[in-house]
């Protein structure tokens, strides 16, 4: 199925949990905020939130600096 991640169309299997996306892109959930269809997910939801056709996902990584 097709979803959009950070503005790019991507193919994933139906029912893929958000946690699998983070693994796929080698992202540490401790430093990521995930938004699905404009709703920010709690980190506890990453394993249980399954993606559906057409979902729009934003993966936001925080970086320190000054």
Protein backbone atom coordinates (compact mmCIF):
# COMPACT_ATOMS: atom_id res chain seq x y z
CA UNK A 1 0.00 0.00 0.00
CA UNK A 2 1.08 3.58 -0.45
CA UNK A 3 1.61 6.16 2.30
CA UNK A 4 3.39 9.51 2.40
CA UNK A 5 6.38 9.93 4.72
CA UNK A 6 7.74 13.46 5.11
CA UNK A 7 6.22 14.40 1.76
CA UNK A 8 7.47 11.37 -0.21
CA UNK A 9 5.27 8.52 -1.43
CA UNK A 10 6.43 5.21 0.00
CA UNK A 11 5.28 1.60 -0.26
CA UNK A 12 4.75 -0.40 2.95
CA UNK A 13 2.79 -3.50 3.84
CA UNK A 14 -0.74 -2.91 5.07
CA UNK A 15 -0.91 -2.87 8.86
CA UNK A 16 2.73 -1.85 9.28
CA UNK A 17 3.17 -0.38 12.77
CA UNK A 18 4.82 3.01 13.18
CA UNK A 19 7.63 1.34 15.13
CA UNK A 20 8.60 -0.59 11.97
CA UNK A 21 9.03 2.68 10.07
CA UNK A 22 11.45 3.91 12.70
CA UNK A 23 13.42 0.67 12.42
CA UNK A 24 13.36 0.88 8.63
CA UNK A 25 14.96 4.34 8.71
CA UNK A 26 17.27 3.54 11.67
CA UNK A 27 15.63 6.20 13.87
CA UNK A 28 15.79 6.10 17.66
CA UNK A 29 12.25 6.57 19.04
CA UNK A 30 13.72 8.55 21.95
CA UNK A 31 14.59 11.40 19.57
CA UNK A 32 11.61 11.24 17.18
CA UNK A 33 8.16 12.78 17.22
CA UNK A 34 5.74 10.97 14.93
CA UNK A 35 2.63 12.52 13.45
CA UNK A 36 0.09 10.46 11.50
CA UNK A 37 -2.61 12.39 9.62
CA UNK A 38 -1.87 15.52 11.71
CA UNK A 39 -2.15 13.67 15.04
CA UNK A 40 0.95 13.40 17.22
CA UNK A 41 1.36 9.89 18.59
CA UNK A 42 2.57 9.07 22.10
CA UNK A 43 5.70 6.92 22.01
CA UNK A 44 3.68 4.14 23.69
CA UNK A 45 1.47 4.02 20.56
CA UNK A 46 4.27 3.36 18.06
CA UNK A 47 3.97 -0.43 18.30
CA UNK A 48 0.17 -0.56 18.21
CA UNK A 49 -0.58 2.16 15.63
CA UNK A 50 -0.99 0.43 12.29
CA UNK A 51 -0.73 2.39 9.07
CA UNK A 52 -3.44 2.42 6.42
CA UNK A 53 -3.52 3.24 2.71
CA UNK A 54 -3.03 6.96 2.13
CA UNK A 55 -1.79 7.83 5.63
CA UNK A 56 0.44 10.89 5.85
CA UNK A 57 3.32 10.43 8.28
CA UNK A 58 5.75 13.06 9.51
CA UNK A 59 8.88 11.86 11.30
CA UNK A 60 10.46 14.77 13.16
CA UNK A 61 13.92 14.45 14.68
CA UNK A 62 15.11 16.88 17.31
CA UNK A 63 18.69 18.10 17.14
CA UNK A 64 20.63 20.07 19.68
CA UNK A 65 22.85 22.96 18.88
CA UNK A 66 23.42 26.52 19.53
